[in-house]
Every structure is written in structure tokens, then in C-alpha cells.
Amino acid sequence: MKPLNYAILKHFTKVKEACAEDVIDALKGEYGNFKALNRDDVISVLLTAEANALLEETRFEMDKTDVLRIYFKAHKEGADTINKYIKD
């Protein structure tokens, strides 16, 4: 099992785009018992990855409960870097 942060980054090499809630849903099966698999901590990982040029913001929207959802994607260079250092 990969560290949670690695699994979060690796997820973006397999999807077109995702928000924190999408990541949580995707990783819930394997990482559901990790305390850090929550919206605030996942957003922190995503923003750090964006600051380090691994991910880029694609869009944002308000959900039905007026919670802001920010979507990210791994551009080619970011995905290549993630895949170079985090193996399947």
C-alpha cells in the first residue's frame, strides 16, 4: 500500500479531472480508515501539488449544499513526474 499522499497524486494520472470529494470516494475502499482521508487534508494535498506544478486547476463550482468544489488535473509534465517517482 502506498502512502496516502502518493495514492492521491497517482489518482490524477488515471482520471481526466477530480475534486477532493472525487478523490475521497475513489480511495475510500483502500484508505477509508486513514484519518487524513478527509476533505480538508485532501484539499491541502491538492493545493500543495498545484504549488509544486504537479496539478493544475481546471474549474470550480458550488455543489448543492453551497460547498465550493475545485477540480484539478495532472497535465502531461505533472503526470510524467508523478509516474516517474510513484510506481504502480
N, C-alpha and C. Protein backbone atom coordinates (compact mmCIF):
# COMPACT_ATOMS: atom_id res chain seq x y z
N MET A 1 0.84 -1.18 0.00
CA MET A 1 0.00 0.00 0.00
C MET A 1 0.89 1.25 0.00
N LYS A 2 0.57 2.17 -0.89
CA LYS A 2 1.29 3.43 -0.98
C LYS A 2 0.88 4.37 0.16
N PRO A 3 1.75 5.31 0.51
CA PRO A 3 1.30 6.37 1.43
C PRO A 3 0.11 7.11 0.82
N LEU A 4 -0.78 7.62 1.64
CA LEU A 4 -2.00 8.27 1.16
C LEU A 4 -1.70 9.40 0.18
N ASN A 5 -0.74 10.26 0.49
CA ASN A 5 -0.43 11.36 -0.42
C ASN A 5 -0.02 10.86 -1.79
N TYR A 6 0.74 9.78 -1.84
CA TYR A 6 1.13 9.18 -3.12
C TYR A 6 -0.09 8.68 -3.86
N ALA A 7 -1.00 8.02 -3.15
CA ALA A 7 -2.21 7.48 -3.78
C ALA A 7 -3.07 8.62 -4.34
N ILE A 8 -3.14 9.72 -3.62
CA ILE A 8 -3.89 10.88 -4.11
C ILE A 8 -3.30 11.39 -5.41
N LEU A 9 -1.99 11.58 -5.43
CA LEU A 9 -1.34 12.07 -6.66
C LEU A 9 -1.49 11.07 -7.80
N LYS A 10 -1.30 9.81 -7.51
CA LYS A 10 -1.39 8.77 -8.53
C LYS A 10 -2.79 8.71 -9.14
N HIS A 11 -3.80 9.00 -8.32
CA HIS A 11 -5.18 9.02 -8.81
C HIS A 11 -5.33 9.96 -10.00
N PHE A 12 -4.64 11.07 -9.96
CA PHE A 12 -4.76 12.08 -11.02
C PHE A 12 -4.11 11.65 -12.33
N THR A 13 -3.31 10.61 -12.30
CA THR A 13 -2.73 10.10 -13.54
C THR A 13 -3.70 9.12 -14.22
N LYS A 14 -4.81 8.83 -13.57
CA LYS A 14 -5.77 7.85 -14.08
C LYS A 14 -7.13 8.44 -14.43
N VAL A 15 -7.33 9.72 -14.12
CA VAL A 15 -8.62 10.37 -14.39
C VAL A 15 -8.39 11.68 -15.15
N LYS A 16 -9.43 12.14 -15.84
CA LYS A 16 -9.33 13.40 -16.57
C LYS A 16 -9.20 14.59 -15.62
N GLU A 17 -10.04 14.59 -14.58
CA GLU A 17 -10.01 15.62 -13.55
C GLU A 17 -10.75 15.09 -12.33
N ALA A 18 -10.52 15.74 -11.19
CA ALA A 18 -11.19 15.32 -9.96
C ALA A 18 -11.13 16.45 -8.94
N CYS A 19 -12.08 16.41 -8.02
CA CYS A 19 -12.07 17.32 -6.88
C CYS A 19 -11.78 16.48 -5.63
N ALA A 20 -11.67 17.12 -4.50
CA ALA A 20 -11.35 16.41 -3.25
C ALA A 20 -12.37 15.32 -2.95
N GLU A 21 -13.64 15.61 -3.16
CA GLU A 21 -14.68 14.61 -2.89
C GLU A 21 -14.55 13.40 -3.81
N ASP A 22 -14.18 13.64 -5.07
CA ASP A 22 -13.96 12.53 -6.01
C ASP A 22 -12.82 11.64 -5.54
N VAL A 23 -11.75 12.28 -5.09
CA VAL A 23 -10.58 11.54 -4.60
C VAL A 23 -10.96 10.70 -3.38
N ILE A 24 -11.68 11.29 -2.46
CA ILE A 24 -12.10 10.56 -1.25
C ILE A 24 -12.94 9.35 -1.64
N ASP A 25 -13.89 9.55 -2.54
CA ASP A 25 -14.74 8.43 -2.98
C ASP A 25 -13.91 7.34 -3.64
N ALA A 26 -12.94 7.72 -4.46
CA ALA A 26 -12.13 6.74 -5.18
C ALA A 26 -11.21 5.95 -4.25
N LEU A 27 -10.72 6.58 -3.20
CA LEU A 27 -9.74 5.93 -2.31
C LEU A 27 -10.37 5.35 -1.05
N LYS A 28 -11.66 5.57 -0.85
CA LYS A 28 -12.33 5.14 0.37
C LYS A 28 -12.17 3.64 0.64
N GLY A 29 -12.22 2.82 -0.40
CA GLY A 29 -12.13 1.38 -0.21
C GLY A 29 -10.82 0.95 0.43
N GLU A 30 -9.71 1.50 -0.05
CA GLU A 30 -8.39 1.09 0.45
C GLU A 30 -7.90 1.94 1.61
N TYR A 31 -8.27 3.21 1.64
CA TYR A 31 -7.73 4.14 2.63
C TYR A 31 -8.80 4.70 3.57
N GLY A 32 -9.98 4.10 3.58
CA GLY A 32 -11.10 4.62 4.36
C GLY A 32 -10.85 4.76 5.84
N ASN A 33 -9.92 3.99 6.39
CA ASN A 33 -9.65 4.08 7.82
C ASN A 33 -8.55 5.09 8.15
N PHE A 34 -8.00 5.79 7.16
CA PHE A 34 -6.96 6.79 7.40
C PHE A 34 -7.63 8.09 7.86
N LYS A 35 -7.15 8.66 8.96
CA LYS A 35 -7.70 9.91 9.48
C LYS A 35 -7.54 11.06 8.49
N ALA A 36 -6.49 11.02 7.68
CA ALA A 36 -6.22 12.11 6.75
C ALA A 36 -7.05 12.04 5.47
N LEU A 37 -7.87 11.02 5.32
CA LEU A 37 -8.74 10.94 4.15
C LEU A 37 -10.02 11.71 4.46
N ASN A 38 -9.88 13.02 4.52
CA ASN A 38 -11.00 13.92 4.76
C ASN A 38 -10.83 15.13 3.85
N ARG A 39 -11.88 15.88 3.67
CA ARG A 39 -11.89 16.97 2.70
C ARG A 39 -10.76 17.98 2.93
N ASP A 40 -10.58 18.44 4.14
CA ASP A 40 -9.57 19.46 4.41
C ASP A 40 -8.16 18.98 4.11
N ASP A 41 -7.83 17.77 4.54
CA ASP A 41 -6.48 17.24 4.30
C ASP A 41 -6.24 16.94 2.83
N VAL A 42 -7.25 16.43 2.13
CA VAL A 42 -7.09 16.15 0.71
C VAL A 42 -6.92 17.46 -0.06
N ILE A 43 -7.68 18.48 0.28
CA ILE A 43 -7.52 19.79 -0.37
C ILE A 43 -6.12 20.31 -0.14
N SER A 44 -5.59 20.13 1.05
CA SER A 44 -4.22 20.57 1.33
C SER A 44 -3.21 19.87 0.42
N VAL A 45 -3.39 18.57 0.22
CA VAL A 45 -2.51 17.81 -0.68
C VAL A 45 -2.64 18.35 -2.11
N LEU A 46 -3.87 18.61 -2.54
CA LEU A 46 -4.09 19.08 -3.91
C LEU A 46 -3.49 20.46 -4.14
N LEU A 47 -3.64 21.35 -3.18
CA LEU A 47 -3.08 22.70 -3.32
C LEU A 47 -1.56 22.67 -3.27
N THR A 48 -0.99 21.79 -2.47
CA THR A 48 0.46 21.64 -2.44
C THR A 48 0.97 21.11 -3.77
N ALA A 49 0.26 20.13 -4.33
CA ALA A 49 0.64 19.58 -5.63
C ALA A 49 0.53 20.65 -6.71
N GLU A 50 -0.49 21.50 -6.62
CA GLU A 50 -0.61 22.60 -7.58
C GLU A 50 0.55 23.58 -7.43
N ALA A 51 0.90 23.92 -6.20
CA ALA A 51 2.01 24.84 -5.97
C ALA A 51 3.34 24.27 -6.47
N ASN A 52 3.45 22.94 -6.48
CA ASN A 52 4.66 22.28 -6.96
C ASN A 52 4.57 21.89 -8.43
N ALA A 53 3.57 22.42 -9.13
CA ALA A 53 3.39 22.24 -10.58
C ALA A 53 3.14 20.80 -11.00
N LEU A 54 2.55 19.99 -10.12
CA LEU A 54 2.17 18.63 -10.49
C LEU A 54 0.73 18.58 -10.99
N LEU A 55 -0.11 19.45 -10.44
CA LEU A 55 -1.52 19.53 -10.83
C LEU A 55 -1.84 20.96 -11.22
N GLU A 56 -2.94 21.11 -11.97
CA GLU A 56 -3.43 22.44 -12.28
C GLU A 56 -4.94 22.47 -12.10
N GLU A 57 -5.44 23.61 -11.70
CA GLU A 57 -6.87 23.79 -11.51
C GLU A 57 -7.55 23.82 -12.87
N THR A 58 -8.68 23.10 -13.00
CA THR A 58 -9.40 23.10 -14.27
C THR A 58 -10.69 23.89 -14.19
N ARG A 59 -11.38 23.82 -13.07
CA ARG A 59 -12.64 24.54 -12.91
C ARG A 59 -13.07 24.49 -11.45
N PHE A 60 -14.12 25.24 -11.14
CA PHE A 60 -14.69 25.18 -9.80
C PHE A 60 -16.19 25.39 -9.91
N GLU A 61 -16.91 24.90 -8.91
CA GLU A 61 -18.36 25.05 -8.89
C GLU A 61 -18.86 24.91 -7.46
N MET A 62 -20.05 25.41 -7.24
CA MET A 62 -20.72 25.23 -5.95
C MET A 62 -21.59 23.99 -6.06
N ASP A 63 -21.52 23.12 -5.05
CA ASP A 63 -22.38 21.93 -5.09
C ASP A 63 -23.76 22.28 -4.52
N LYS A 64 -24.61 21.28 -4.38
CA LYS A 64 -25.99 21.50 -3.92
C LYS A 64 -26.07 22.07 -2.51
N THR A 65 -25.02 21.84 -1.71
CA THR A 65 -25.01 22.34 -0.33
C THR A 65 -24.17 23.61 -0.18
N ASP A 66 -23.91 24.27 -1.28
CA ASP A 66 -23.12 25.51 -1.32
C ASP A 66 -21.69 25.34 -0.82
N VAL A 67 -21.11 24.18 -1.11
CA VAL A 67 -19.70 23.93 -0.81
C VAL A 67 -18.93 24.07 -2.12
N LEU A 68 -17.85 24.83 -2.08
CA LEU A 68 -17.04 25.04 -3.27
C LEU A 68 -16.25 23.77 -3.60
N ARG A 69 -16.34 23.31 -4.82
CA ARG A 69 -15.56 22.17 -5.30
C ARG A 69 -14.59 22.68 -6.35
N ILE A 70 -13.31 22.45 -6.09
CA ILE A 70 -12.26 22.86 -7.02
C ILE A 70 -11.76 21.59 -7.71
N TYR A 71 -11.75 21.60 -9.03
CA TYR A 71 -11.31 20.45 -9.81
C TYR A 71 -9.89 20.67 -10.31
N PHE A 72 -9.12 19.61 -10.29
CA PHE A 72 -7.73 19.64 -10.73
C PHE A 72 -7.49 18.54 -11.74
N LYS A 73 -6.41 18.70 -12.51
CA LYS A 73 -5.96 17.63 -13.40
C LYS A 73 -4.44 17.61 -13.36
N ALA A 74 -3.90 16.47 -13.74
CA ALA A 74 -2.45 16.35 -13.89
C ALA A 74 -2.16 16.60 -15.37
N HIS A 75 -1.48 17.70 -15.67
CA HIS A 75 -1.07 17.96 -17.05
C HIS A 75 0.02 16.95 -17.41
N LYS A 76 0.42 16.92 -18.66
CA LYS A 76 1.35 15.89 -19.12
C LYS A 76 2.64 15.87 -18.30
N GLU A 77 3.25 17.01 -18.09
CA GLU A 77 4.51 17.06 -17.35
C GLU A 77 4.31 16.63 -15.89
N GLY A 78 3.20 17.05 -15.31
CA GLY A 78 2.91 16.65 -13.93
C GLY A 78 2.68 15.15 -13.82
N ALA A 79 1.89 14.60 -14.75
CA ALA A 79 1.64 13.16 -14.75
C ALA A 79 2.93 12.38 -14.96
N ASP A 80 3.77 12.87 -15.88
CA ASP A 80 5.05 12.20 -16.12
C ASP A 80 5.92 12.20 -14.85
N THR A 81 5.94 13.30 -14.14
CA THR A 81 6.73 13.39 -12.90
C THR A 81 6.15 12.47 -11.84
N ILE A 82 4.85 12.49 -11.67
CA ILE A 82 4.20 11.61 -10.69
C ILE A 82 4.53 10.15 -11.01
N ASN A 83 4.37 9.77 -12.27
CA ASN A 83 4.62 8.37 -12.67
C ASN A 83 6.09 7.99 -12.56
N LYS A 84 6.97 8.97 -12.72
CA LYS A 84 8.41 8.68 -12.58
C LYS A 84 8.78 8.29 -11.15
N TYR A 85 8.18 8.99 -10.19
CA TYR A 85 8.55 8.78 -8.79
C TYR A 85 7.62 7.86 -8.01
N ILE A 86 6.40 7.70 -8.50
CA ILE A 86 5.43 6.83 -7.80
C ILE A 86 5.01 5.73 -8.76
N LYS A 87 5.50 4.56 -8.52
CA LYS A 87 5.21 3.42 -9.39
C LYS A 87 3.91 2.74 -8.96
N ASP A 88 3.27 2.06 -9.89
CA ASP A 88 2.05 1.31 -9.57
C ASP A 88 2.35 0.11 -8.74
